[in-house]
Amino acid sequence: MDLELHQLELRYEGLRDRNTPREKRLLASLADVGQQTPIVVVADSAAAGADAAVGRHVVVDGYKRVRLLRRLGQDTVVATRWELPEPDALVLEGLMRAREQTGPIEQGWLLRELRQRFDLSLQELARRFDRDISWVSRRLALVERLPARVEHHVRSGAIGAHAAMKFLVPLARAKTADAERLADALAPLGLSTRQIGALALAYARGNAQARQRLVQNPLLVLRAHEPSASGPPTPAEQLLSDVELLSAVARRVHGRLRRGAAEPLLPPERDEIARRLGQARADVEALVHRYEKELRDARPEHPDRDSASA
């Protein structure tokens, strides 16, 4: 179905973490080939009067597409309507999205919205998401510990949700004002999670004067903590970066499996993934064996050995 943009109720837009690079790619695709995937809506049961007359719909999924189509000057959007009550639709969409990309902060936002708007208990939320109550409580506690100013930066896409969860929430536990001050300084810079982590650690370890310098010029402090940025990386830095990347990919795949990504796979898909995992394991074992051999070969000679006979 086609809907005009003014018919859409965007009340859950704030529950989505923004990703600027991903939005740029999607914008280019929409401009080039148009909308390929419909957004998901439900009928707005709260609409009354004039709103009901124009057929208001609540957007459940597709906020980026709506936002970018508006930027491109479009007036309509292709949509699919789920015939579900609004809270059920939000839970279903949250379950579907959790398999791919949502982290604990976004999950916490959704749980908090469901609890506040629809008065769902912790037990009911746990039942609907097929989780235990502690899972619900941990995510609600996470977003409750996130200061409002930091949360604003995360919702706007200026600071990634993962970086906020890993570095700014612990800082906020110690002192909310410090987390807010640091987030305000970092938000305009578009930093990576690793860069935010380096600056958060420097802030936590610094004295009052060092912290003041950091918030006044974060990039200067960042360059001081990344001395190799001005020149080509050393062999050690290259190896460390590659090993870190290998570990990060393994953790990402493990996380997807833990969230149930393997459940909908067909038998041929399972077999292919098992084959590739076997190959990946063989590659890693060969890598470890090679590195251990290099370490043995690189050890200094025994002091009793006659170097002249070598």
C-alpha atoms as a PDB file:
ATOM      1  CA  MET A   1       0.000   0.000   0.000  1.00  0.00           C
ATOM      2  CA  ASP A   2       1.070   3.599  -0.640  1.00  0.00           C
ATOM      3  CA  LEU A   3       0.821   6.118   2.177  1.00  0.00           C
ATOM      4  CA  GLU A   4       1.433   9.831   2.184  1.00  0.00           C
ATOM      5  CA  LEU A   5       4.097  10.949   4.618  1.00  0.00           C
ATOM      6  CA  HIS A   6       1.676  13.161   6.519  1.00  0.00           C
ATOM      7  CA  GLN A   7      -0.360  10.051   7.372  1.00  0.00           C
ATOM      8  CA  LEU A   8       2.515   8.579   9.391  1.00  0.00           C
ATOM      9  CA  GLU A   9       2.815   8.751  13.160  1.00  0.00           C
ATOM     10  CA  LEU A  10       6.537   8.635  14.039  1.00  0.00           C
ATOM     11  CA  ARG A  11       6.188   8.205  17.777  1.00  0.00           C
ATOM     12  CA  TYR A  12       8.911   5.536  18.064  1.00  0.00           C
ATOM     13  CA  GLU A  13      11.604   7.223  15.986  1.00  0.00           C
ATOM     14  CA  GLY A  14      13.610   7.959  19.120  1.00  0.00           C
ATOM     15  CA  LEU A  15      14.015   4.240  19.830  1.00  0.00           C
ATOM     16  CA  ARG A  16      16.376   3.828  16.892  1.00  0.00           C
ATOM     17  CA  ASP A  17      20.119   4.378  17.027  1.00  0.00           C
ATOM     18  CA  ARG A  18      21.247   6.413  14.018  1.00  0.00           C
ATOM     19  CA  ASN A  19      24.161   5.248  11.882  1.00  0.00           C
ATOM     20  CA  THR A  20      25.441   7.983   9.569  1.00  0.00           C
ATOM     21  CA  PRO A  21      27.462   5.782   7.142  1.00  0.00           C
ATOM     22  CA  ARG A  22      24.538   3.374   6.776  1.00  0.00           C
ATOM     23  CA  GLU A  23      22.123   6.223   6.144  1.00  0.00           C
ATOM     24  CA  LYS A  24      24.419   7.650   3.462  1.00  0.00           C
ATOM     25  CA  ARG A  25      24.445   4.300   1.656  1.00  0.00           C
ATOM     26  CA  LEU A  26      20.675   4.000   1.931  1.00  0.00           C
ATOM     27  CA  LEU A  27      20.174   7.563   0.691  1.00  0.00           C
ATOM     28  CA  ALA A  28      22.292   6.822  -2.384  1.00  0.00           C
ATOM     29  CA  SER A  29      20.282   3.655  -3.043  1.00  0.00           C
ATOM     30  CA  LEU A  30      16.926   5.433  -2.675  1.00  0.00           C
ATOM     31  CA  ALA A  31      18.052   8.192  -5.023  1.00  0.00           C
ATOM     32  CA  ASP A  32      19.322   5.662  -7.563  1.00  0.00           C
ATOM     33  CA  VAL A  33      16.706   2.896  -7.634  1.00  0.00           C
ATOM     34  CA  GLY A  34      13.935   4.122  -5.339  1.00  0.00           C
ATOM     35  CA  GLN A  35      12.365   2.380  -2.361  1.00  0.00           C
ATOM     36  CA  GLN A  36      12.806  -1.397  -2.580  1.00  0.00           C
ATOM     37  CA  THR A  37      11.620  -2.502   0.876  1.00  0.00           C
ATOM     38  CA  PRO A  38       8.290  -1.354   2.339  1.00  0.00           C
ATOM     39  CA  ILE A  39       8.107   0.159   5.784  1.00  0.00           C
ATOM     40  CA  VAL A  40       5.927  -1.568   8.380  1.00  0.00           C
ATOM     41  CA  VAL A  41       2.962   0.202   9.962  1.00  0.00           C
ATOM     42  CA  VAL A  42      -0.054  -0.526  12.121  1.00  0.00           C
ATOM     43  CA  ALA A  43      -3.307   1.393  12.275  1.00  0.00           C
ATOM     44  CA  ASP A  44      -3.196   4.200  14.821  1.00  0.00           C
ATOM     45  CA  SER A  45      -5.898   3.164  17.265  1.00  0.00           C
ATOM     46  CA  ALA A  46      -5.399   6.399  19.213  1.00  0.00           C
ATOM     47  CA  ALA A  47      -6.211   8.604  16.221  1.00  0.00           C
ATOM     48  CA  ALA A  48      -9.418  10.591  16.476  1.00  0.00           C
ATOM     49  CA  GLY A  49     -11.210  13.296  14.570  1.00  0.00           C
ATOM     50  CA  ALA A  50      -9.261  14.665  11.615  1.00  0.00           C
ATOM     51  CA  ASP A  51      -6.376  12.248  12.200  1.00  0.00           C
ATOM     52  CA  ALA A  52      -8.695   9.260  11.970  1.00  0.00           C
ATOM     53  CA  ALA A  53     -10.267  10.664   8.818  1.00  0.00           C
ATOM     54  CA  VAL A  54      -6.926  10.707   6.954  1.00  0.00           C
ATOM     55  CA  GLY A  55      -6.067   7.179   8.077  1.00  0.00           C
ATOM     56  CA  ARG A  56      -3.156   7.723  10.455  1.00  0.00           C
ATOM     57  CA  HIS A  57      -0.663   4.858  10.726  1.00  0.00           C
ATOM     58  CA  VAL A  58       2.038   4.243  13.333  1.00  0.00           C
ATOM     59  CA  VAL A  59       5.442   3.369  11.865  1.00  0.00           C
ATOM     60  CA  VAL A  60       6.819   0.187  13.415  1.00  0.00           C
ATOM     61  CA  ASP A  61       9.834  -0.287  11.132  1.00  0.00           C
ATOM     62  CA  GLY A  62      11.379   1.931   8.447  1.00  0.00           C
ATOM     63  CA  TYR A  63      12.232   5.213  10.143  1.00  0.00           C
ATOM     64  CA  LYS A  64      15.414   5.681   8.133  1.00  0.00           C
ATOM     65  CA  ARG A  65      13.533   5.197   4.869  1.00  0.00           C
ATOM     66  CA  VAL A  66      10.873   7.714   5.868  1.00  0.00           C
ATOM     67  CA  ARG A  67      13.475  10.247   6.961  1.00  0.00           C
ATOM     68  CA  LEU A  68      15.531   9.874   3.778  1.00  0.00           C
ATOM     69  CA  LEU A  69      12.547   9.841   1.412  1.00  0.00           C
ATOM     70  CA  ARG A  70      11.510  13.145   2.957  1.00  0.00           C
ATOM     71  CA  ARG A  71      15.016  14.494   2.309  1.00  0.00           C
ATOM     72  CA  LEU A  72      14.658  13.437  -1.330  1.00  0.00           C
ATOM     73  CA  GLY A  73      11.415  15.399  -1.615  1.00  0.00           C
ATOM     74  CA  GLN A  74       9.109  12.370  -1.829  1.00  0.00           C
ATOM     75  CA  ASP A  75       5.501  12.644  -0.670  1.00  0.00           C
ATOM     76  CA  THR A  76       4.616   8.948  -0.425  1.00  0.00           C
ATOM     77  CA  VAL A  77       6.101   5.742   0.923  1.00  0.00           C
ATOM     78  CA  VAL A  78       5.380   2.072   0.199  1.00  0.00           C
ATOM     79  CA  ALA A  79       4.161   0.345   3.344  1.00  0.00           C
ATOM     80  CA  THR A  80       2.985  -2.996   4.663  1.00  0.00           C
ATOM     81  CA  ARG A  81       0.371  -2.929   7.403  1.00  0.00           C
ATOM     82  CA  TRP A  82       0.433  -5.503  10.148  1.00  0.00           C
ATOM     83  CA  GLU A  83      -2.977  -6.377  11.531  1.00  0.00           C
ATOM     84  CA  LEU A  84      -1.722  -6.439  15.106  1.00  0.00           C
ATOM     85  CA  PRO A  85      -2.243  -4.364  18.231  1.00  0.00           C
ATOM     86  CA  GLU A  86       0.449  -1.723  18.572  1.00  0.00           C
ATOM     87  CA  PRO A  87       2.356  -3.308  21.517  1.00  0.00           C
ATOM     88  CA  ASP A  88       2.344  -6.733  19.831  1.00  0.00           C
ATOM     89  CA  ALA A  89       3.738  -5.190  16.637  1.00  0.00           C
ATOM     90  CA  LEU A  90       6.506  -3.442  18.575  1.00  0.00           C
ATOM     91  CA  VAL A  91       7.490  -6.666  20.331  1.00  0.00           C
ATOM     92  CA  LEU A  92       7.499  -8.633  17.061  1.00  0.00           C
ATOM     93  CA  GLU A  93       9.613  -6.020  15.282  1.00  0.00           C
ATOM     94  CA  GLY A  94      11.966  -5.848  18.253  1.00  0.00           C
ATOM     95  CA  LEU A  95      12.434  -9.625  18.175  1.00  0.00           C
ATOM     96  CA  MET A  96      13.119  -9.569  14.435  1.00  0.00           C
ATOM     97  CA  ARG A  97      15.609  -6.701  14.711  1.00  0.00           C
ATOM     98  CA  ALA A  98      17.412  -8.237  17.695  1.00  0.00           C
ATOM     99  CA  ARG A  99      18.668 -11.069  15.496  1.00  0.00           C
ATOM    100  CA  GLU A 100      20.724  -8.657  13.442  1.00  0.00           C
ATOM    101  CA  GLN A 101      21.718  -5.330  14.887  1.00  0.00           C
ATOM    102  CA  THR A 102      20.185  -4.083  18.118  1.00  0.00           C
ATOM    103  CA  GLY A 103      22.292  -3.784  21.228  1.00  0.00           C
ATOM    104  CA  PRO A 104      21.309  -3.615  24.900  1.00  0.00           C
ATOM    105  CA  ILE A 105      20.684   0.147  24.850  1.00  0.00           C
ATOM    106  CA  GLU A 106      18.205   0.001  21.951  1.00  0.00           C
ATOM    107  CA  GLN A 107      16.548  -3.010  23.590  1.00  0.00           C
ATOM    108  CA  GLY A 108      16.320  -1.035  26.816  1.00  0.00           C
ATOM    109  CA  TRP A 109      14.674   1.898  25.022  1.00  0.00           C
ATOM    110  CA  LEU A 110      12.046  -0.429  23.564  1.00  0.00           C
ATOM    111  CA  LEU A 111      11.387  -2.153  26.895  1.00  0.00           C
ATOM    112  CA  ARG A 112      11.052   1.193  28.666  1.00  0.00           C
ATOM    113  CA  GLU A 113       8.626   2.470  26.019  1.00  0.00           C
ATOM    114  CA  LEU A 114       6.484  -0.651  26.258  1.00  0.00           C
ATOM    115  CA  ARG A 115       6.461  -0.480  30.040  1.00  0.00           C
ATOM    116  CA  GLN A 116       5.583   3.217  30.233  1.00  0.00           C
ATOM    117  CA  ARG A 117       3.160   3.509  27.307  1.00  0.00           C
ATOM    118  CA  PHE A 118       1.311   0.218  27.708  1.00  0.00           C
ATOM    119  CA  ASP A 119       1.877  -0.425  31.429  1.00  0.00           C
ATOM    120  CA  LEU A 120       3.453  -3.848  30.855  1.00  0.00           C
ATOM    121  CA  SER A 121       5.009  -5.496  33.905  1.00  0.00           C
ATOM    122  CA  LEU A 122       8.507  -6.953  34.009  1.00  0.00           C
ATOM    123  CA  GLN A 123       6.995 -10.417  33.970  1.00  0.00           C
ATOM    124  CA  GLU A 124       4.882  -9.608  30.901  1.00  0.00           C
ATOM    125  CA  LEU A 125       7.866  -8.108  29.054  1.00  0.00           C
ATOM    126  CA  ALA A 126       9.967 -11.166  29.854  1.00  0.00           C
ATOM    127  CA  ARG A 127       7.203 -13.454  28.587  1.00  0.00           C
ATOM    128  CA  ARG A 128       6.697 -11.531  25.349  1.00  0.00           C
ATOM    129  CA  PHE A 129      10.418 -11.482  24.548  1.00  0.00           C
ATOM    130  CA  ASP A 130      10.918 -15.077  25.702  1.00  0.00           C
ATOM    131  CA  ARG A 131      13.544 -13.968  28.212  1.00  0.00           C
ATOM    132  CA  ASP A 132      13.910 -14.062  31.971  1.00  0.00           C
ATOM    133  CA  ILE A 133      13.101 -11.112  34.210  1.00  0.00           C
ATOM    134  CA  SER A 134      16.782 -10.411  34.910  1.00  0.00           C
ATOM    135  CA  TRP A 135      17.363  -9.809  31.156  1.00  0.00           C
ATOM    136  CA  VAL A 136      14.594  -7.200  31.177  1.00  0.00           C
ATOM    137  CA  SER A 137      15.802  -5.615  34.409  1.00  0.00           C
ATOM    138  CA  ARG A 138      19.413  -5.319  33.222  1.00  0.00           C
ATOM    139  CA  ARG A 139      18.433  -3.495  30.039  1.00  0.00           C
ATOM    140  CA  LEU A 140      16.027  -1.179  31.803  1.00  0.00           C
ATOM    141  CA  ALA A 141      18.709  -0.384  34.379  1.00  0.00           C
ATOM    142  CA  LEU A 142      21.181   0.343  31.575  1.00  0.00           C
ATOM    143  CA  VAL A 143      19.032   3.046  29.958  1.00  0.00           C
ATOM    144  CA  GLU A 144      18.057   4.430  33.352  1.00  0.00           C
ATOM    145  CA  ARG A 145      21.758   4.919  34.168  1.00  0.00           C
ATOM    146  CA  LEU A 146      22.396   6.666  30.845  1.00  0.00           C
ATOM    147  CA  PRO A 147      22.182  10.425  31.488  1.00  0.00           C
ATOM    148  CA  ALA A 148      19.564  12.263  29.418  1.00  0.00           C
ATOM    149  CA  ARG A 149      22.145  14.437  27.651  1.00  0.00           C
ATOM    150  CA  VAL A 150      24.210  11.389  26.688  1.00  0.00           C
ATOM    151  CA  GLU A 151      21.068   9.593  25.542  1.00  0.00           C
ATOM    152  CA  HIS A 152      20.255  12.562  23.306  1.00  0.00           C
ATOM    153  CA  HIS A 153      23.638  12.227  21.573  1.00  0.00           C
ATOM    154  CA  VAL A 154      23.101   8.483  21.094  1.00  0.00           C
ATOM    155  CA  ARG A 155      19.592   8.924  19.664  1.00  0.00           C
ATOM    156  CA  SER A 156      20.864  11.585  17.243  1.00  0.00           C
ATOM    157  CA  GLY A 157      23.614   9.278  16.003  1.00  0.00           C
ATOM    158  CA  ALA A 158      26.439  11.521  17.211  1.00  0.00           C
ATOM    159  CA  ILE A 159      27.682   8.804  19.594  1.00  0.00           C
ATOM    160  CA  GLY A 160      27.276   5.108  18.894  1.00  0.00           C
ATOM    161  CA  ALA A 161      25.127   3.064  21.267  1.00  0.00           C
ATOM    162  CA  HIS A 162      27.895   0.512  21.779  1.00  0.00           C
ATOM    163  CA  ALA A 163      30.411   3.215  22.706  1.00  0.00           C
ATOM    164  CA  ALA A 164      27.940   4.768  25.143  1.00  0.00           C
ATOM    165  CA  MET A 165      27.206   1.422  26.771  1.00  0.00           C
ATOM    166  CA  LYS A 166      30.853   0.378  27.042  1.00  0.00           C
ATOM    167  CA  PHE A 167      32.479   3.649  28.094  1.00  0.00           C
ATOM    168  CA  LEU A 168      30.017   6.375  29.076  1.00  0.00           C
ATOM    169  CA  VAL A 169      27.652   4.351  31.263  1.00  0.00           C
ATOM    170  CA  PRO A 170      30.507   3.244  33.575  1.00  0.00           C
ATOM    171  CA  LEU A 171      31.695   6.850  33.743  1.00  0.00           C
ATOM    172  CA  ALA A 172      28.144   7.967  34.583  1.00  0.00           C
ATOM    173  CA  ARG A 173      27.985   5.465  37.437  1.00  0.00           C
ATOM    174  CA  ALA A 174      30.890   7.272  39.066  1.00  0.00           C
ATOM    175  CA  LYS A 175      29.719  10.806  38.263  1.00  0.00           C
ATOM    176  CA  THR A 176      26.906  11.774  35.901  1.00  0.00           C
ATOM    177  CA  ALA A 177      28.311  15.244  35.248  1.00  0.00           C
ATOM    178  CA  ASP A 178      31.586  13.791  33.949  1.00  0.00           C
ATOM    179  CA  ALA A 179      29.798  11.526  31.470  1.00  0.00           C
ATOM    180  CA  GLU A 180      27.675  14.435  30.237  1.00  0.00           C
ATOM    181  CA  ARG A 181      30.671  16.752  29.939  1.00  0.00           C
ATOM    182  CA  LEU A 182      32.688  14.209  27.964  1.00  0.00           C
ATOM    183  CA  ALA A 183      29.756  13.292  25.700  1.00  0.00           C
ATOM    184  CA  ASP A 184      29.124  16.963  24.887  1.00  0.00           C
ATOM    185  CA  ALA A 185      32.761  17.340  23.856  1.00  0.00           C
ATOM    186  CA  LEU A 186      32.886  14.167  21.729  1.00  0.00           C
ATOM    187  CA  ALA A 187      29.468  14.286  20.040  1.00  0.00           C
ATOM    188  CA  PRO A 188      30.352  16.783  17.261  1.00  0.00           C
ATOM    189  CA  LEU A 189      33.458  14.835  16.174  1.00  0.00           C
ATOM    190  CA  GLY A 190      32.005  11.618  14.712  1.00  0.00           C
ATOM    191  CA  LEU A 191      34.517   9.386  16.505  1.00  0.00           C
ATOM    192  CA  SER A 192      34.747   5.610  16.349  1.00  0.00           C
ATOM    193  CA  THR A 193      34.066   3.360  19.323  1.00  0.00           C
ATOM    194  CA  ARG A 194      37.795   2.760  19.725  1.00  0.00           C
ATOM    195  CA  GLN A 195      38.551   6.484  19.741  1.00  0.00           C
ATOM    196  CA  ILE A 196      35.798   7.211  22.267  1.00  0.00           C
ATOM    197  CA  GLY A 197      37.177   4.412  24.429  1.00  0.00           C
ATOM    198  CA  ALA A 198      40.687   5.887  24.341  1.00  0.00           C
ATOM    199  CA  LEU A 199      39.412   9.325  25.321  1.00  0.00           C
ATOM    200  CA  ALA A 200      37.097   7.977  28.038  1.00  0.00           C
ATOM    201  CA  LEU A 201      40.032   6.087  29.572  1.00  0.00           C
ATOM    202  CA  ALA A 202      42.239   9.201  29.409  1.00  0.00           C
ATOM    203  CA  TYR A 203      39.472  11.243  31.027  1.00  0.00           C
ATOM    204  CA  ALA A 204      38.913   8.721  33.821  1.00  0.00           C
ATOM    205  CA  ARG A 205      42.643   8.525  34.608  1.00  0.00           C
ATOM    206  CA  GLY A 206      43.394  12.249  34.298  1.00  0.00           C
ATOM    207  CA  ASN A 207      43.426  14.927  36.959  1.00  0.00           C
ATOM    208  CA  ALA A 208      41.237  18.017  36.796  1.00  0.00           C
ATOM    209  CA  GLN A 209      43.679  19.884  34.562  1.00  0.00           C
ATOM    210  CA  ALA A 210      44.065  16.974  32.140  1.00  0.00           C
ATOM    211  CA  ARG A 211      40.301  16.537  31.930  1.00  0.00           C
ATOM    212  CA  GLN A 212      39.873  20.219  31.152  1.00  0.00           C
ATOM    213  CA  ARG A 213      42.403  19.988  28.298  1.00  0.00           C
ATOM    214  CA  LEU A 214      40.642  16.902  26.962  1.00  0.00           C
ATOM    215  CA  VAL A 215      37.167  18.433  26.744  1.00  0.00           C
ATOM    216  CA  GLN A 216      38.612  21.611  25.231  1.00  0.00           C
ATOM    217  CA  ASN A 217      40.510  19.766  22.489  1.00  0.00           C
ATOM    218  CA  PRO A 218      39.701  16.040  22.311  1.00  0.00           C
ATOM    219  CA  LEU A 219      41.420  15.566  18.940  1.00  0.00           C
ATOM    220  CA  LEU A 220      44.711  16.889  20.266  1.00  0.00           C
ATOM    221  CA  VAL A 221      44.575  14.446  23.168  1.00  0.00           C
ATOM    222  CA  LEU A 222      43.584  11.647  20.791  1.00  0.00           C
ATOM    223  CA  ARG A 223      46.610  12.303  18.573  1.00  0.00           C
ATOM    224  CA  ALA A 224      48.829  12.177  21.643  1.00  0.00           C
ATOM    225  CA  HIS A 225      47.435   8.721  22.429  1.00  0.00           C
ATOM    226  CA  GLU A 226      47.880   7.571  18.825  1.00  0.00           C
ATOM    227  CA  PRO A 227      51.510   8.405  18.014  1.00  0.00           C
ATOM    228  CA  SER A 228      51.541   6.161  14.964  1.00  0.00           C
ATOM    229  CA  ALA A 229      48.823   8.186  13.276  1.00  0.00           C
ATOM    230  CA  SER A 230      51.411  10.581  11.810  1.00  0.00           C
ATOM    231  CA  GLY A 231      53.338   7.805  10.049  1.00  0.00           C
ATOM    232  CA  PRO A 232      52.940   4.310   8.591  1.00  0.00           C
ATOM    233  CA  PRO A 233      52.098   1.586  11.117  1.00  0.00           C
ATOM    234  CA  THR A 234      54.904  -0.602  12.375  1.00  0.00           C
ATOM    235  CA  PRO A 235      54.865  -4.382  11.731  1.00  0.00           C
ATOM    236  CA  ALA A 236      53.832  -4.921  15.348  1.00  0.00           C
ATOM    237  CA  GLU A 237      50.948  -2.454  15.015  1.00  0.00           C
ATOM    238  CA  GLN A 238      49.810  -4.132  11.809  1.00  0.00           C
ATOM    239  CA  LEU A 239      49.836  -7.563  13.447  1.00  0.00           C
ATOM    240  CA  LEU A 240      48.004  -6.296  16.507  1.00  0.00           C
ATOM    241  CA  SER A 241      45.378  -4.618  14.328  1.00  0.00           C
ATOM    242  CA  ASP A 242      44.835  -7.780  12.271  1.00  0.00           C
ATOM    243  CA  VAL A 243      44.555  -9.998  15.368  1.00  0.00           C
ATOM    244  CA  GLU A 244      42.141  -7.521  16.953  1.00  0.00           C
ATOM    245  CA  LEU A 245      40.039  -7.585  13.773  1.00  0.00           C
ATOM    246  CA  LEU A 246      40.051 -11.394  13.769  1.00  0.00           C
ATOM    247  CA  SER A 247      38.898 -11.436  17.391  1.00  0.00           C
ATOM    248  CA  ALA A 248      36.206  -8.808  16.758  1.00  0.00           C
ATOM    249  CA  VAL A 249      34.734 -10.801  13.851  1.00  0.00           C
ATOM    250  CA  ALA A 250      34.664 -13.957  15.970  1.00  0.00           C
ATOM    251  CA  ARG A 251      32.872 -12.114  18.786  1.00  0.00           C
ATOM    252  CA  ARG A 252      30.354 -10.668  16.343  1.00  0.00           C
ATOM    253  CA  VAL A 253      29.508 -14.079  14.855  1.00  0.00           C
ATOM    254  CA  HIS A 254      29.292 -15.582  18.342  1.00  0.00           C
ATOM    255  CA  GLY A 255      26.881 -12.835  19.376  1.00  0.00           C
ATOM    256  CA  ARG A 256      24.643 -13.458  16.375  1.00  0.00           C
ATOM    257  CA  LEU A 257      24.541 -17.168  17.125  1.00  0.00           C
ATOM    258  CA  ARG A 258      23.760 -16.469  20.772  1.00  0.00           C
ATOM    259  CA  ARG A 259      20.832 -14.290  19.675  1.00  0.00           C
ATOM    260  CA  GLY A 260      19.379 -17.128  17.588  1.00  0.00           C
ATOM    261  CA  ALA A 261      20.667 -16.381  14.083  1.00  0.00           C
ATOM    262  CA  ALA A 262      21.061 -20.104  13.347  1.00  0.00           C
ATOM    263  CA  GLU A 263      17.462 -21.037  14.203  1.00  0.00           C
ATOM    264  CA  PRO A 264      15.816 -20.157  10.840  1.00  0.00           C
ATOM    265  CA  LEU A 265      18.609 -21.673   8.708  1.00  0.00           C
ATOM    266  CA  LEU A 266      17.743 -24.392   6.200  1.00  0.00           C
ATOM    267  CA  PRO A 267      19.762 -27.660   6.285  1.00  0.00           C
ATOM    268  CA  PRO A 268      21.915 -26.738   3.242  1.00  0.00           C
ATOM    269  CA  GLU A 269      22.686 -23.356   4.828  1.00  0.00           C
ATOM    270  CA  ARG A 270      23.656 -25.007   8.121  1.00  0.00           C
ATOM    271  CA  ASP A 271      25.963 -27.413   6.259  1.00  0.00           C
ATOM    272  CA  GLU A 272      27.649 -24.577   4.355  1.00  0.00           C
ATOM    273  CA  ILE A 273      28.193 -22.519   7.504  1.00  0.00           C
ATOM    274  CA  ALA A 274      29.582 -25.590   9.298  1.00  0.00           C
ATOM    275  CA  ARG A 275      31.975 -26.161   6.364  1.00  0.00           C
ATOM    276  CA  ARG A 276      33.184 -22.562   6.434  1.00  0.00           C
ATOM    277  CA  LEU A 277      33.561 -22.606  10.217  1.00  0.00           C
ATOM    278  CA  GLY A 278      35.707 -25.709   9.857  1.00  0.00           C
ATOM    279  CA  GLN A 279      37.877 -23.937   7.313  1.00  0.00           C
ATOM    280  CA  ALA A 280      38.079 -20.851   9.549  1.00  0.00           C
ATOM    281  CA  ARG A 281      39.164 -23.005  12.489  1.00  0.00           C
ATOM    282  CA  ALA A 282      41.835 -24.669  10.350  1.00  0.00           C
ATOM    283  CA  ASP A 283      43.081 -21.251   9.221  1.00  0.00           C
ATOM    284  CA  VAL A 284      43.277 -19.970  12.807  1.00  0.00           C
ATOM    285  CA  GLU A 285      45.057 -23.129  13.994  1.00  0.00           C
ATOM    286  CA  ALA A 286      47.558 -22.760  11.153  1.00  0.00           C
ATOM    287  CA  LEU A 287      48.039 -19.112  12.132  1.00  0.00           C
ATOM    288  CA  VAL A 288      48.693 -19.985  15.788  1.00  0.00           C
ATOM    289  CA  HIS A 289      51.094 -22.779  14.767  1.00  0.00           C
ATOM    290  CA  ARG A 290      52.973 -20.419  12.463  1.00  0.00           C
ATOM    291  CA  TYR A 291      53.265 -17.734  15.138  1.00  0.00           C
ATOM    292  CA  GLU A 292      54.532 -20.231  17.722  1.00  0.00           C
ATOM    293  CA  LYS A 293      57.134 -21.445  15.199  1.00  0.00           C
ATOM    294  CA  GLU A 294      58.229 -17.860  14.544  1.00  0.00           C
ATOM    295  CA  LEU A 295      58.609 -17.300  18.304  1.00  0.00           C
ATOM    296  CA  ARG A 296      60.753 -20.451  18.667  1.00  0.00           C
ATOM    297  CA  ASP A 297      62.940 -19.473  15.709  1.00  0.00           C
ATOM    298  CA  ALA A 298      63.327 -15.925  17.013  1.00  0.00           C
ATOM    299  CA  ARG A 299      64.522 -16.953  20.515  1.00  0.00           C
ATOM    300  CA  PRO A 300      68.084 -15.951  21.384  1.00  0.00           C
ATOM    301  CA  GLU A 301      70.681 -18.688  21.279  1.00  0.00           C
ATOM    302  CA  HIS A 302      71.597 -20.510  24.475  1.00  0.00           C
ATOM    303  CA  PRO A 303      74.510 -18.732  26.169  1.00  0.00           C
ATOM    304  CA  ASP A 304      76.566 -21.992  26.295  1.00  0.00           C
ATOM    305  CA  ARG A 305      76.258 -22.519  22.547  1.00  0.00           C
ATOM    306  CA  ASP A 306      79.369 -21.867  20.444  1.00  0.00           C
ATOM    307  CA  SER A 307      78.283 -19.118  18.071  1.00  0.00           C
ATOM    308  CA  ALA A 308      81.248 -19.724  15.801  1.00  0.00           C
ATOM    309  CA  SER A 309      79.996 -23.208  14.977  1.00  0.00           C
ATOM    310  CA  ALA A 310      76.556 -21.986  13.903  1.00  0.00           C
END
